[in-house]
């Protein structure tokens, strides 16, 4: 996977706004702004729970443990419908948690997962 570590954060809208203002001020002052590591931010726990569902967490664990050769194999391991597994993998892929490399037509896609996923709650 390209992304080695992913940080999942819970932050208030106020905190996100303050961080944005600080970055904008640095840019306006001509200072360089170092890119942050890959981070997914949620503003409340409900949004986080709707994203990291128990079934999606299970897919992440199964990919790590079994390194399935295809999405179909992962669906069998999870005892779930292929279409639902594919849909969950698309969502996790868009967030950078799961990698689904593009393959030639007819070639199976082998899903990969980030080496490290951390949840950080800022209070």
PDB file of N, CA and C in Angstrom:
ATOM      1  N   UNK A   1       0.829  -1.188   0.000  1.00  0.00           N
ATOM      2  CA  UNK A   1       0.000   0.000   0.000  1.00  0.00           C
ATOM      3  C   UNK A   1       0.869   1.245   0.000  1.00  0.00           C
ATOM      4  N   UNK A   2       0.389   2.255  -0.653  1.00  0.00           N
ATOM      5  CA  UNK A   2       1.107   3.527  -0.670  1.00  0.00           C
ATOM      6  C   UNK A   2       1.054   4.199   0.694  1.00  0.00           C
ATOM      7  N   UNK A   3      -0.138   4.231   1.309  1.00  0.00           N
ATOM      8  CA  UNK A   3      -0.299   4.853   2.619  1.00  0.00           C
ATOM      9  C   UNK A   3       0.085   3.825   3.672  1.00  0.00           C
ATOM     10  N   UNK A   4       1.087   4.139   4.471  1.00  0.00           N
ATOM     11  CA  UNK A   4       1.543   3.188   5.480  1.00  0.00           C
ATOM     12  C   UNK A   4       0.828   3.382   6.811  1.00  0.00           C
ATOM     13  N   UNK A   5       0.543   4.637   7.176  1.00  0.00           N
ATOM     14  CA  UNK A   5      -0.119   4.910   8.443  1.00  0.00           C
ATOM     15  C   UNK A   5      -1.296   5.845   8.194  1.00  0.00           C
ATOM     16  N   UNK A   6      -2.372   5.586   8.882  1.00  0.00           N
ATOM     17  CA  UNK A   6      -3.555   6.423   8.771  1.00  0.00           C
ATOM     18  C   UNK A   6      -4.006   6.796  10.172  1.00  0.00           C
ATOM     19  N   UNK A   7      -4.293   8.061  10.352  1.00  0.00           N
ATOM     20  CA  UNK A   7      -4.761   8.557  11.641  1.00  0.00           C
ATOM     21  C   UNK A   7      -6.223   8.951  11.479  1.00  0.00           C
ATOM     22  N   UNK A   8      -7.069   8.458  12.366  1.00  0.00           N
ATOM     23  CA  UNK A   8      -8.474   8.824  12.372  1.00  0.00           C
ATOM     24  C   UNK A   8      -8.694   9.700  13.589  1.00  0.00           C
ATOM     25  N   UNK A   9      -9.209  10.895  13.357  1.00  0.00           N
ATOM     26  CA  UNK A   9      -9.348  11.885  14.419  1.00  0.00           C
ATOM     27  C   UNK A   9     -10.789  12.286  14.643  1.00  0.00           C
ATOM     28  N   UNK A  10     -11.119  12.561  15.871  1.00  0.00           N
ATOM     29  CA  UNK A  10     -12.365  13.220  16.234  1.00  0.00           C
ATOM     30  C   UNK A  10     -11.993  14.620  16.697  1.00  0.00           C
ATOM     31  N   UNK A  11     -12.454  15.628  15.964  1.00  0.00           N
ATOM     32  CA  UNK A  11     -12.165  17.017  16.319  1.00  0.00           C
ATOM     33  C   UNK A  11     -13.427  17.844  16.155  1.00  0.00           C
ATOM     34  N   UNK A  12     -13.537  18.876  16.945  1.00  0.00           N
ATOM     35  CA  UNK A  12     -14.690  19.764  16.814  1.00  0.00           C
ATOM     36  C   UNK A  12     -14.523  20.633  15.572  1.00  0.00           C
ATOM     37  N   UNK A  13     -15.639  21.158  15.096  1.00  0.00           N
ATOM     38  CA  UNK A  13     -15.581  22.088  13.963  1.00  0.00           C
ATOM     39  C   UNK A  13     -14.747  23.316  14.316  1.00  0.00           C
ATOM     40  N   UNK A  14     -14.827  23.721  15.566  1.00  0.00           N
ATOM     41  CA  UNK A  14     -14.039  24.869  16.034  1.00  0.00           C
ATOM     42  C   UNK A  14     -12.538  24.584  15.909  1.00  0.00           C
ATOM     43  N   UNK A  15     -12.112  23.404  16.347  1.00  0.00           N
ATOM     44  CA  UNK A  15     -10.694  23.035  16.248  1.00  0.00           C
ATOM     45  C   UNK A  15     -10.247  22.965  14.792  1.00  0.00           C
ATOM     46  N   UNK A  16     -11.089  22.384  13.937  1.00  0.00           N
ATOM     47  CA  UNK A  16     -10.749  22.312  12.512  1.00  0.00           C
ATOM     48  C   UNK A  16     -10.623  23.709  11.911  1.00  0.00           C
ATOM     49  N   UNK A  17     -11.528  24.595  12.303  1.00  0.00           N
ATOM     50  CA  UNK A  17     -11.475  25.978  11.820  1.00  0.00           C
ATOM     51  C   UNK A  17     -10.200  26.676  12.260  1.00  0.00           C
ATOM     52  N   UNK A  18      -9.815  26.486  13.518  1.00  0.00           N
ATOM     53  CA  UNK A  18      -8.585  27.109  14.031  1.00  0.00           C
ATOM     54  C   UNK A  18      -7.352  26.581  13.289  1.00  0.00           C
ATOM     55  N   UNK A  19      -7.320  25.272  13.036  1.00  0.00           N
ATOM     56  CA  UNK A  19      -6.189  24.696  12.296  1.00  0.00           C
ATOM     57  C   UNK A  19      -6.116  25.286  10.884  1.00  0.00           C
ATOM     58  N   UNK A  20      -7.268  25.433  10.249  1.00  0.00           N
ATOM     59  CA  UNK A  20      -7.311  26.000   8.897  1.00  0.00           C
ATOM     60  C   UNK A  20      -6.820  27.440   8.894  1.00  0.00           C
ATOM     61  N   UNK A  21      -7.249  28.203   9.867  1.00  0.00           N
ATOM     62  CA  UNK A  21      -6.813  29.603   9.971  1.00  0.00           C
ATOM     63  C   UNK A  21      -5.306  29.677  10.167  1.00  0.00           C
ATOM     64  N   UNK A  22      -4.749  28.820  11.010  1.00  0.00           N
ATOM     65  CA  UNK A  22      -3.295  28.814  11.240  1.00  0.00           C
ATOM     66  C   UNK A  22      -2.540  28.501   9.954  1.00  0.00           C
ATOM     67  N   UNK A  23      -3.021  27.538   9.202  1.00  0.00           N
ATOM     68  CA  UNK A  23      -2.367  27.179   7.941  1.00  0.00           C
ATOM     69  C   UNK A  23      -2.446  28.342   6.959  1.00  0.00           C
ATOM     70  N   UNK A  24      -3.607  28.959   6.852  1.00  0.00           N
ATOM     71  CA  UNK A  24      -3.780  30.087   5.934  1.00  0.00           C
ATOM     72  C   UNK A  24      -2.879  31.258   6.323  1.00  0.00           C
ATOM     73  N   UNK A  25      -2.759  31.524   7.605  1.00  0.00           N
ATOM     74  CA  UNK A  25      -1.867  32.609   8.066  1.00  0.00           C
ATOM     75  C   UNK A  25      -0.412  32.297   7.731  1.00  0.00           C
ATOM     76  N   UNK A  26      -0.015  31.056   7.894  1.00  0.00           N
ATOM     77  CA  UNK A  26       1.351  30.658   7.551  1.00  0.00           C
ATOM     78  C   UNK A  26       1.608  30.858   6.061  1.00  0.00           C
ATOM     79  N   UNK A  27       0.645  30.472   5.248  1.00  0.00           N
ATOM     80  CA  UNK A  27       0.794  30.633   3.797  1.00  0.00           C
ATOM     81  C   UNK A  27       0.867  32.112   3.431  1.00  0.00           C
ATOM     82  N   UNK A  28      -0.018  32.915   4.031  1.00  0.00           N
ATOM     83  CA  UNK A  28      -0.019  34.359   3.765  1.00  0.00           C
ATOM     84  C   UNK A  28       1.303  35.002   4.164  1.00  0.00           C
ATOM     85  N   UNK A  29       1.932  34.501   5.219  1.00  0.00           N
ATOM     86  CA  UNK A  29       3.206  35.042   5.693  1.00  0.00           C
ATOM     87  C   UNK A  29       4.383  34.568   4.856  1.00  0.00           C
ATOM     88  N   UNK A  30       4.120  33.666   3.913  1.00  0.00           N
ATOM     89  CA  UNK A  30       5.185  33.149   3.066  1.00  0.00           C
ATOM     90  C   UNK A  30       5.921  31.964   3.660  1.00  0.00           C
ATOM     91  N   UNK A  31       5.425  31.453   4.759  1.00  0.00           N
ATOM     92  CA  UNK A  31       6.051  30.285   5.378  1.00  0.00           C
ATOM     93  C   UNK A  31       5.639  29.014   4.652  1.00  0.00           C
ATOM     94  N   UNK A  32       6.537  28.047   4.659  1.00  0.00           N
ATOM     95  CA  UNK A  32       6.201  26.753   4.084  1.00  0.00           C
ATOM     96  C   UNK A  32       5.344  25.978   5.075  1.00  0.00           C
ATOM     97  N   UNK A  33       4.390  25.272   4.549  1.00  0.00           N
ATOM     98  CA  UNK A  33       3.522  24.444   5.379  1.00  0.00           C
ATOM     99  C   UNK A  33       3.797  22.992   5.025  1.00  0.00           C
ATOM    100  N   UNK A  34       4.278  22.250   5.996  1.00  0.00           N
ATOM    101  CA  UNK A  34       4.592  20.836   5.768  1.00  0.00           C
ATOM    102  C   UNK A  34       3.302  20.045   5.660  1.00  0.00           C
ATOM    103  N   UNK A  35       3.240  19.123   4.701  1.00  0.00           N
ATOM    104  CA  UNK A  35       2.019  18.312   4.589  1.00  0.00           C
ATOM    105  C   UNK A  35       1.867  17.404   5.804  1.00  0.00           C
ATOM    106  N   UNK A  36       0.624  17.211   6.199  1.00  0.00           N
ATOM    107  CA  UNK A  36       0.338  16.317   7.323  1.00  0.00           C
ATOM    108  C   UNK A  36       0.287  14.887   6.818  1.00  0.00           C
ATOM    109  N   UNK A  37       0.536  13.930   7.702  1.00  0.00           N
ATOM    110  CA  UNK A  37       0.361  12.536   7.291  1.00  0.00           C
ATOM    111  C   UNK A  37      -1.112  12.282   6.993  1.00  0.00           C
ATOM    112  N   UNK A  38      -1.380  11.168   6.324  1.00  0.00           N
ATOM    113  CA  UNK A  38      -2.760  10.839   5.943  1.00  0.00           C
ATOM    114  C   UNK A  38      -3.633  10.816   7.192  1.00  0.00           C
ATOM    115  N   UNK A  39      -4.704  11.600   7.151  1.00  0.00           N
ATOM    116  CA  UNK A  39      -5.575  11.730   8.314  1.00  0.00           C
ATOM    117  C   UNK A  39      -7.029  11.830   7.853  1.00  0.00           C
ATOM    118  N   UNK A  40      -7.904  11.164   8.566  1.00  0.00           N
ATOM    119  CA  UNK A  40      -9.336  11.244   8.334  1.00  0.00           C
ATOM    120  C   UNK A  40      -9.925  11.880   9.586  1.00  0.00           C
ATOM    121  N   UNK A  41     -10.702  12.942   9.407  1.00  0.00           N
ATOM    122  CA  UNK A  41     -11.236  13.673  10.551  1.00  0.00           C
ATOM    123  C   UNK A  41     -12.768  13.605  10.556  1.00  0.00           C
ATOM    124  N   UNK A  42     -13.304  13.290  11.719  1.00  0.00           N
ATOM    125  CA  UNK A  42     -14.743  13.296  11.940  1.00  0.00           C
ATOM    126  C   UNK A  42     -15.041  14.314  13.028  1.00  0.00           C
ATOM    127  N   UNK A  43     -16.201  14.951  12.926  1.00  0.00           N
ATOM    128  CA  UNK A  43     -16.552  15.964  13.919  1.00  0.00           C
ATOM    129  C   UNK A  43     -17.386  15.402  15.060  1.00  0.00           C
ATOM    130  N   UNK A  44     -17.865  14.169  14.915  1.00  0.00           N
ATOM    131  CA  UNK A  44     -18.574  13.544  16.023  1.00  0.00           C
ATOM    132  C   UNK A  44     -18.474  12.026  15.924  1.00  0.00           C
ATOM    133  N   UNK A  45     -18.743  11.392  17.052  1.00  0.00           N
ATOM    134  CA  UNK A  45     -18.592   9.947  17.138  1.00  0.00           C
ATOM    135  C   UNK A  45     -19.607   9.212  16.264  1.00  0.00           C
ATOM    136  N   UNK A  46     -20.783   9.784  16.096  1.00  0.00           N
ATOM    137  CA  UNK A  46     -21.816   9.152  15.272  1.00  0.00           C
ATOM    138  C   UNK A  46     -21.340   9.015  13.829  1.00  0.00           C
ATOM    139  N   UNK A  47     -20.706  10.050  13.311  1.00  0.00           N
ATOM    140  CA  UNK A  47     -20.180   9.994  11.940  1.00  0.00           C
ATOM    141  C   UNK A  47     -19.072   8.950  11.834  1.00  0.00           C
ATOM    142  N   UNK A  48     -18.212   8.892  12.842  1.00  0.00           N
ATOM    143  CA  UNK A  48     -17.145   7.889  12.855  1.00  0.00           C
ATOM    144  C   UNK A  48     -17.735   6.484  12.860  1.00  0.00           C
ATOM    145  N   UNK A  49     -18.746   6.258  13.699  1.00  0.00           N
ATOM    146  CA  UNK A  49     -19.379   4.936  13.782  1.00  0.00           C
ATOM    147  C   UNK A  49     -20.066   4.533  12.489  1.00  0.00           C
ATOM    148  N   UNK A  50     -20.635   5.499  11.783  1.00  0.00           N
ATOM    149  CA  UNK A  50     -21.303   5.155  10.526  1.00  0.00           C
ATOM    150  C   UNK A  50     -20.281   4.862   9.434  1.00  0.00           C
ATOM    151  N   UNK A  51     -19.059   5.363   9.590  1.00  0.00           N
ATOM    152  CA  UNK A  51     -17.999   5.074   8.623  1.00  0.00           C
ATOM    153  C   UNK A  51     -17.302   3.757   8.953  1.00  0.00           C
ATOM    154  N   UNK A  52     -16.845   3.604  10.183  1.00  0.00           N
ATOM    155  CA  UNK A  52     -16.148   2.380  10.597  1.00  0.00           C
ATOM    156  C   UNK A  52     -17.143   1.426  11.250  1.00  0.00           C
ATOM    157  N   UNK A  53     -17.967   0.829  10.431  1.00  0.00           N
ATOM    158  CA  UNK A  53     -18.970  -0.112  10.924  1.00  0.00           C
ATOM    159  C   UNK A  53     -18.285  -1.420  11.347  1.00  0.00           C
ATOM    160  N   UNK A  54     -18.957  -2.211  12.148  1.00  0.00           N
ATOM    161  CA  UNK A  54     -18.377  -3.506  12.524  1.00  0.00           C
ATOM    162  C   UNK A  54     -18.033  -4.374  11.305  1.00  0.00           C
ATOM    163  N   UNK A  55     -18.842  -4.331  10.275  1.00  0.00           N
ATOM    164  CA  UNK A  55     -18.569  -5.147   9.079  1.00  0.00           C
ATOM    165  C   UNK A  55     -17.336  -4.636   8.333  1.00  0.00           C
ATOM    166  N   UNK A  56     -17.141  -3.335   8.275  1.00  0.00           N
ATOM    167  CA  UNK A  56     -15.935  -2.792   7.621  1.00  0.00           C
ATOM    168  C   UNK A  56     -14.696  -3.093   8.437  1.00  0.00           C
ATOM    169  N   UNK A  57     -14.809  -3.010   9.756  1.00  0.00           N
ATOM    170  CA  UNK A  57     -13.669  -3.373  10.603  1.00  0.00           C
ATOM    171  C   UNK A  57     -13.321  -4.843  10.425  1.00  0.00           C
ATOM    172  N   UNK A  58     -14.343  -5.682  10.282  1.00  0.00           N
ATOM    173  CA  UNK A  58     -14.095  -7.105  10.050  1.00  0.00           C
ATOM    174  C   UNK A  58     -13.348  -7.311   8.729  1.00  0.00           C
ATOM    175  N   UNK A  59     -13.715  -6.570   7.686  1.00  0.00           N
ATOM    176  CA  UNK A  59     -13.017  -6.692   6.405  1.00  0.00           C
ATOM    177  C   UNK A  59     -11.542  -6.320   6.553  1.00  0.00           C
ATOM    178  N   UNK A  60     -11.279  -5.251   7.277  1.00  0.00           N
ATOM    179  CA  UNK A  60      -9.882  -4.828   7.507  1.00  0.00           C
ATOM    180  C   UNK A  60      -9.109  -5.945   8.205  1.00  0.00           C
ATOM    181  N   UNK A  61      -9.702  -6.513   9.228  1.00  0.00           N
ATOM    182  CA  UNK A  61      -9.041  -7.602   9.972  1.00  0.00           C
ATOM    183  C   UNK A  61      -8.815  -8.827   9.089  1.00  0.00           C
ATOM    184  N   UNK A  62      -9.815  -9.175   8.290  1.00  0.00           N
ATOM    185  CA  UNK A  62      -9.687 -10.340   7.409  1.00  0.00           C
ATOM    186  C   UNK A  62      -8.608 -10.129   6.354  1.00  0.00           C
ATOM    187  N   UNK A  63      -8.515  -8.926   5.814  1.00  0.00           N
ATOM    188  CA  UNK A  63      -7.466  -8.632   4.825  1.00  0.00           C
ATOM    189  C   UNK A  63      -6.098  -8.781   5.475  1.00  0.00           C
ATOM    190  N   UNK A  64      -5.943  -8.240   6.674  1.00  0.00           N
ATOM    191  CA  UNK A  64      -4.664  -8.350   7.384  1.00  0.00           C
ATOM    192  C   UNK A  64      -4.309  -9.802   7.696  1.00  0.00           C
ATOM    193  N   UNK A  65      -5.284 -10.538   8.195  1.00  0.00           N
ATOM    194  CA  UNK A  65      -5.021 -11.903   8.661  1.00  0.00           C
ATOM    195  C   UNK A  65      -4.829 -12.891   7.516  1.00  0.00           C
ATOM    196  N   UNK A  66      -5.648 -12.789   6.462  1.00  0.00           N
ATOM    197  CA  UNK A  66      -5.653 -13.812   5.421  1.00  0.00           C
ATOM    198  C   UNK A  66      -5.057 -13.366   4.087  1.00  0.00           C
ATOM    199  N   UNK A  67      -4.862 -12.060   3.895  1.00  0.00           N
ATOM    200  CA  UNK A  67      -4.353 -11.532   2.615  1.00  0.00           C
ATOM    201  C   UNK A  67      -5.048 -12.198   1.428  1.00  0.00           C
ATOM    202  N   UNK A  68      -6.372 -12.052   1.326  1.00  0.00           N
ATOM    203  CA  UNK A  68      -7.105 -12.724   0.256  1.00  0.00           C
ATOM    204  C   UNK A  68      -6.625 -12.298  -1.128  1.00  0.00           C
ATOM    205  N   UNK A  69      -6.686 -13.228  -2.055  1.00  0.00           N
ATOM    206  CA  UNK A  69      -6.204 -12.982  -3.415  1.00  0.00           C
ATOM    207  C   UNK A  69      -7.205 -12.215  -4.261  1.00  0.00           C
ATOM    208  N   UNK A  70      -8.435 -12.073  -3.771  1.00  0.00           N
ATOM    209  CA  UNK A  70      -9.457 -11.371  -4.545  1.00  0.00           C
ATOM    210  C   UNK A  70     -10.565 -10.881  -3.614  1.00  0.00           C
ATOM    211  N   UNK A  71     -11.402 -10.013  -4.155  1.00  0.00           N
ATOM    212  CA  UNK A  71     -12.557  -9.543  -3.400  1.00  0.00           C
ATOM    213  C   UNK A  71     -13.534 -10.699  -3.175  1.00  0.00           C
ATOM    214  N   UNK A  72     -13.672 -11.559  -4.161  1.00  0.00           N
ATOM    215  CA  UNK A  72     -14.561 -12.719  -4.022  1.00  0.00           C
ATOM    216  C   UNK A  72     -14.111 -13.606  -2.866  1.00  0.00           C
ATOM    217  N   UNK A  73     -12.805 -13.816  -2.746  1.00  0.00           N
ATOM    218  CA  UNK A  73     -12.293 -14.637  -1.644  1.00  0.00           C
ATOM    219  C   UNK A  73     -12.557 -13.944  -0.307  1.00  0.00           C
ATOM    220  N   UNK A  74     -12.377 -12.631  -0.264  1.00  0.00           N
ATOM    221  CA  UNK A  74     -12.661 -11.878   0.957  1.00  0.00           C
ATOM    222  C   UNK A  74     -14.145 -11.986   1.317  1.00  0.00           C
ATOM    223  N   UNK A  75     -15.018 -11.909   0.332  1.00  0.00           N
ATOM    224  CA  UNK A  75     -16.462 -12.034   0.584  1.00  0.00           C
ATOM    225  C   UNK A  75     -16.786 -13.410   1.165  1.00  0.00           C
ATOM    226  N   UNK A  76     -16.130 -14.448   0.655  1.00  0.00           N
ATOM    227  CA  UNK A  76     -16.349 -15.797   1.202  1.00  0.00           C
ATOM    228  C   UNK A  76     -15.851 -15.879   2.644  1.00  0.00           C
ATOM    229  N   UNK A  77     -14.688 -15.298   2.914  1.00  0.00           N
ATOM    230  CA  UNK A  77     -14.153 -15.302   4.281  1.00  0.00           C
ATOM    231  C   UNK A  77     -15.091 -14.579   5.245  1.00  0.00           C
ATOM    232  N   UNK A  78     -15.672 -13.480   4.766  1.00  0.00           N
ATOM    233  CA  UNK A  78     -16.568 -12.676   5.599  1.00  0.00           C
ATOM    234  C   UNK A  78     -17.987 -13.245   5.637  1.00  0.00           C
ATOM    235  N   UNK A  79     -18.251 -14.244   4.774  1.00  0.00           N
ATOM    236  CA  UNK A  79     -19.590 -14.833   4.655  1.00  0.00           C
ATOM    237  C   UNK A  79     -20.619 -13.750   4.345  1.00  0.00           C
ATOM    238  N   UNK A  80     -20.238 -12.913   3.351  1.00  0.00           N
ATOM    239  CA  UNK A  80     -21.093 -11.802   2.931  1.00  0.00           C
ATOM    240  C   UNK A  80     -21.224 -11.783   1.421  1.00  0.00           C
ATOM    241  N   UNK A  81     -22.225 -11.088   0.959  1.00  0.00           N
ATOM    242  CA  UNK A  81     -22.471 -10.917  -0.466  1.00  0.00           C
ATOM    243  C   UNK A  81     -21.332 -10.121  -1.115  1.00  0.00           C
ATOM    244  N   UNK A  82     -20.896 -10.567  -2.300  1.00  0.00           N
ATOM    245  CA  UNK A  82     -19.796  -9.909  -3.008  1.00  0.00           C
ATOM    246  C   UNK A  82     -20.068  -8.414  -3.208  1.00  0.00           C
ATOM    247  N   UNK A  83     -21.274  -8.065  -3.644  1.00  0.00           N
ATOM    248  CA  UNK A  83     -21.591  -6.661  -3.941  1.00  0.00           C
ATOM    249  C   UNK A  83     -21.466  -5.781  -2.695  1.00  0.00           C
ATOM    250  N   UNK A  84     -21.904  -6.269  -1.557  1.00  0.00           N
ATOM    251  CA  UNK A  84     -21.811  -5.486  -0.306  1.00  0.00           C
ATOM    252  C   UNK A  84     -20.350  -5.327   0.130  1.00  0.00           C
ATOM    253  N   UNK A  85     -19.582  -6.394   0.001  1.00  0.00           N
ATOM    254  CA  UNK A  85     -18.155  -6.327   0.344  1.00  0.00           C
ATOM    255  C   UNK A  85     -17.459  -5.341  -0.590  1.00  0.00           C
ATOM    256  N   UNK A  86     -17.751  -5.423  -1.868  1.00  0.00           N
ATOM    257  CA  UNK A  86     -17.146  -4.510  -2.842  1.00  0.00           C
ATOM    258  C   UNK A  86     -17.500  -3.062  -2.509  1.00  0.00           C
ATOM    259  N   UNK A  87     -18.756  -2.822  -2.155  1.00  0.00           N
ATOM    260  CA  UNK A  87     -19.202  -1.476  -1.794  1.00  0.00           C
ATOM    261  C   UNK A  87     -18.442  -0.963  -0.563  1.00  0.00           C
ATOM    262  N   UNK A  88     -18.314  -1.795   0.461  1.00  0.00           N
ATOM    263  CA  UNK A  88     -17.567  -1.391   1.660  1.00  0.00           C
ATOM    264  C   UNK A  88     -16.099  -1.137   1.329  1.00  0.00           C
ATOM    265  N   UNK A  89     -15.511  -1.962   0.480  1.00  0.00           N
ATOM    266  CA  UNK A  89     -14.114  -1.766   0.092  1.00  0.00           C
ATOM    267  C   UNK A  89     -13.936  -0.468  -0.684  1.00  0.00           C
ATOM    268  N   UNK A  90     -14.906  -0.104  -1.506  1.00  0.00           N
ATOM    269  CA  UNK A  90     -14.828   1.162  -2.244  1.00  0.00           C
ATOM    270  C   UNK A  90     -14.791   2.344  -1.271  1.00  0.00           C
ATOM    271  N   UNK A  91     -15.631   2.304  -0.254  1.00  0.00           N
ATOM    272  CA  UNK A  91     -15.680   3.378   0.745  1.00  0.00           C
ATOM    273  C   UNK A  91     -14.362   3.449   1.510  1.00  0.00           C
ATOM    274  N   UNK A  92     -13.856   2.290   1.938  1.00  0.00           N
ATOM    275  CA  UNK A  92     -12.580   2.258   2.669  1.00  0.00           C
ATOM    276  C   UNK A  92     -11.419   2.675   1.762  1.00  0.00           C
ATOM    277  N   UNK A  93     -11.518   2.354   0.491  1.00  0.00           N
ATOM    278  CA  UNK A  93     -10.483   2.728  -0.473  1.00  0.00           C
ATOM    279  C   UNK A  93     -10.446   4.235  -0.696  1.00  0.00           C
ATOM    280  N   UNK A  94     -11.619   4.852  -0.808  1.00  0.00           N
ATOM    281  CA  UNK A  94     -11.686   6.302  -0.990  1.00  0.00           C
ATOM    282  C   UNK A  94     -11.071   7.040   0.190  1.00  0.00           C
ATOM    283  N   UNK A  95     -11.150   6.443   1.367  1.00  0.00           N
ATOM    284  CA  UNK A  95     -10.568   7.050   2.567  1.00  0.00           C
ATOM    285  C   UNK A  95      -9.082   6.739   2.706  1.00  0.00           C
ATOM    286  N   UNK A  96      -8.567   5.837   1.856  1.00  0.00           N
ATOM    287  CA  UNK A  96      -7.151   5.499   1.918  1.00  0.00           C
ATOM    288  C   UNK A  96      -6.801   4.391   2.891  1.00  0.00           C
ATOM    289  N   UNK A  97      -7.794   3.761   3.470  1.00  0.00           N
ATOM    290  CA  UNK A  97      -7.545   2.685   4.435  1.00  0.00           C
ATOM    291  C   UNK A  97      -7.255   1.374   3.715  1.00  0.00           C
ATOM    292  N   UNK A  98      -7.994   1.121   2.646  1.00  0.00           N
ATOM    293  CA  UNK A  98      -7.815  -0.087   1.855  1.00  0.00           C
ATOM    294  C   UNK A  98      -7.347   0.321   0.465  1.00  0.00           C
ATOM    295  N   UNK A  99      -6.446  -0.451  -0.082  1.00  0.00           N
ATOM    296  CA  UNK A  99      -5.989  -0.212  -1.450  1.00  0.00           C
ATOM    297  C   UNK A  99      -6.551  -1.306  -2.345  1.00  0.00           C
ATOM    298  N   UNK A 100      -7.131  -0.874  -3.444  1.00  0.00           N
ATOM    299  CA  UNK A 100      -7.646  -1.821  -4.430  1.00  0.00           C
ATOM    300  C   UNK A 100      -6.998  -1.463  -5.761  1.00  0.00           C
ATOM    301  N   UNK A 101      -5.834  -2.044  -6.031  1.00  0.00           N
ATOM    302  CA  UNK A 101      -5.101  -1.674  -7.244  1.00  0.00           C
ATOM    303  C   UNK A 101      -5.882  -1.974  -8.516  1.00  0.00           C
ATOM    304  N   UNK A 102      -5.714  -1.096  -9.490  1.00  0.00           N
ATOM    305  CA  UNK A 102      -6.359  -1.303 -10.797  1.00  0.00           C
ATOM    306  C   UNK A 102      -5.689  -2.491 -11.463  1.00  0.00           C
ATOM    307  N   UNK A 103      -6.505  -3.328 -12.067  1.00  0.00           N
ATOM    308  CA  UNK A 103      -6.020  -4.521 -12.757  1.00  0.00           C
ATOM    309  C   UNK A 103      -6.497  -4.495 -14.196  1.00  0.00           C
ATOM    310  N   UNK A 104      -5.871  -5.308 -15.001  1.00  0.00           N
ATOM    311  CA  UNK A 104      -6.324  -5.476 -16.378  1.00  0.00           C
ATOM    312  C   UNK A 104      -7.685  -6.150 -16.374  1.00  0.00           C
ATOM    313  N   UNK A 105      -8.407  -5.993 -17.454  1.00  0.00           N
ATOM    314  CA  UNK A 105      -9.733  -6.599 -17.551  1.00  0.00           C
ATOM    315  C   UNK A 105      -9.631  -8.108 -17.339  1.00  0.00           C
ATOM    316  N   UNK A 106     -10.479  -8.617 -16.455  1.00  0.00           N
ATOM    317  CA  UNK A 106     -10.498 -10.044 -16.173  1.00  0.00           C
ATOM    318  C   UNK A 106      -9.550 -10.468 -15.062  1.00  0.00           C
ATOM    319  N   UNK A 107      -8.641  -9.580 -14.657  1.00  0.00           N
ATOM    320  CA  UNK A 107      -7.693  -9.902 -13.594  1.00  0.00           C
ATOM    321  C   UNK A 107      -8.323  -9.571 -12.237  1.00  0.00           C
ATOM    322  N   UNK A 108      -8.091 -10.401 -11.245  1.00  0.00           N
ATOM    323  CA  UNK A 108      -8.674 -10.214  -9.922  1.00  0.00           C
ATOM    324  C   UNK A 108      -7.969  -9.086  -9.173  1.00  0.00           C
ATOM    325  N   UNK A 109      -8.748  -8.361  -8.358  1.00  0.00           N
ATOM    326  CA  UNK A 109      -8.211  -7.286  -7.534  1.00  0.00           C
ATOM    327  C   UNK A 109      -7.892  -7.841  -6.157  1.00  0.00           C
ATOM    328  N   UNK A 110      -6.640  -7.692  -5.746  1.00  0.00           N
ATOM    329  CA  UNK A 110      -6.223  -8.154  -4.417  1.00  0.00           C
ATOM    330  C   UNK A 110      -6.222  -6.950  -3.473  1.00  0.00           C
ATOM    331  N   UNK A 111      -7.153  -6.904  -2.518  1.00  0.00           N
ATOM    332  CA  UNK A 111      -7.197  -5.754  -1.610  1.00  0.00           C
ATOM    333  C   UNK A 111      -6.033  -5.768  -0.621  1.00  0.00           C
ATOM    334  N   UNK A 112      -5.543  -4.579  -0.305  1.00  0.00           N
ATOM    335  CA  UNK A 112      -4.500  -4.411   0.705  1.00  0.00           C
ATOM    336  C   UNK A 112      -4.993  -3.419   1.747  1.00  0.00           C
ATOM    337  N   UNK A 113      -4.344  -3.398   2.886  1.00  0.00           N
ATOM    338  CA  UNK A 113      -4.799  -2.512   3.967  1.00  0.00           C
ATOM    339  C   UNK A 113      -3.594  -1.778   4.559  1.00  0.00           C
ATOM    340  N   UNK A 114      -3.842  -0.577   5.079  1.00  0.00           N
ATOM    341  CA  UNK A 114      -2.784   0.216   5.705  1.00  0.00           C
ATOM    342  C   UNK A 114      -2.124  -0.581   6.823  1.00  0.00           C
ATOM    343  N   UNK A 115      -0.818  -0.364   6.994  1.00  0.00           N
ATOM    344  CA  UNK A 115      -0.078  -1.076   8.038  1.00  0.00           C
ATOM    345  C   UNK A 115      -0.522  -0.675   9.441  1.00  0.00           C
ATOM    346  N   UNK A 116      -0.919   0.583   9.578  1.00  0.00           N
ATOM    347  CA  UNK A 116      -1.266   1.080  10.908  1.00  0.00           C
ATOM    348  C   UNK A 116      -2.438   2.038  10.793  1.00  0.00           C
ATOM    349  N   UNK A 117      -3.429   1.832  11.644  1.00  0.00           N
ATOM    350  CA  UNK A 117      -4.579   2.731  11.713  1.00  0.00           C
ATOM    351  C   UNK A 117      -4.714   3.137  13.170  1.00  0.00           C
ATOM    352  N   UNK A 118      -4.666   4.448  13.426  1.00  0.00           N
ATOM    353  CA  UNK A 118      -4.757   4.946  14.792  1.00  0.00           C
ATOM    354  C   UNK A 118      -5.972   5.840  14.962  1.00  0.00           C
ATOM    355  N   UNK A 119      -6.656   5.691  16.072  1.00  0.00           N
ATOM    356  CA  UNK A 119      -7.783   6.548  16.404  1.00  0.00           C
ATOM    357  C   UNK A 119      -7.325   7.507  17.487  1.00  0.00           C
ATOM    358  N   UNK A 120      -7.502   8.795  17.230  1.00  0.00           N
ATOM    359  CA  UNK A 120      -7.095   9.817  18.206  1.00  0.00           C
ATOM    360  C   UNK A 120      -8.292  10.681  18.510  1.00  0.00           C
ATOM    361  N   UNK A 121      -8.586  10.843  19.786  1.00  0.00           N
ATOM    362  CA  UNK A 121      -9.689  11.698  20.202  1.00  0.00           C
ATOM    363  C   UNK A 121      -9.097  12.903  20.920  1.00  0.00           C
ATOM    364  N   UNK A 122      -9.322  14.072  20.342  1.00  0.00           N
ATOM    365  CA  UNK A 122      -8.810  15.318  20.918  1.00  0.00           C
ATOM    366  C   UNK A 122      -9.944  15.951  21.720  1.00  0.00           C
ATOM    367  N   UNK A 123      -9.683  16.179  23.013  1.00  0.00           N
ATOM    368  CA  UNK A 123     -10.706  16.804  23.861  1.00  0.00           C
ATOM    369  C   UNK A 123     -10.259  18.156  24.351  1.00  0.00           C
TER     370      UNK A 123
END
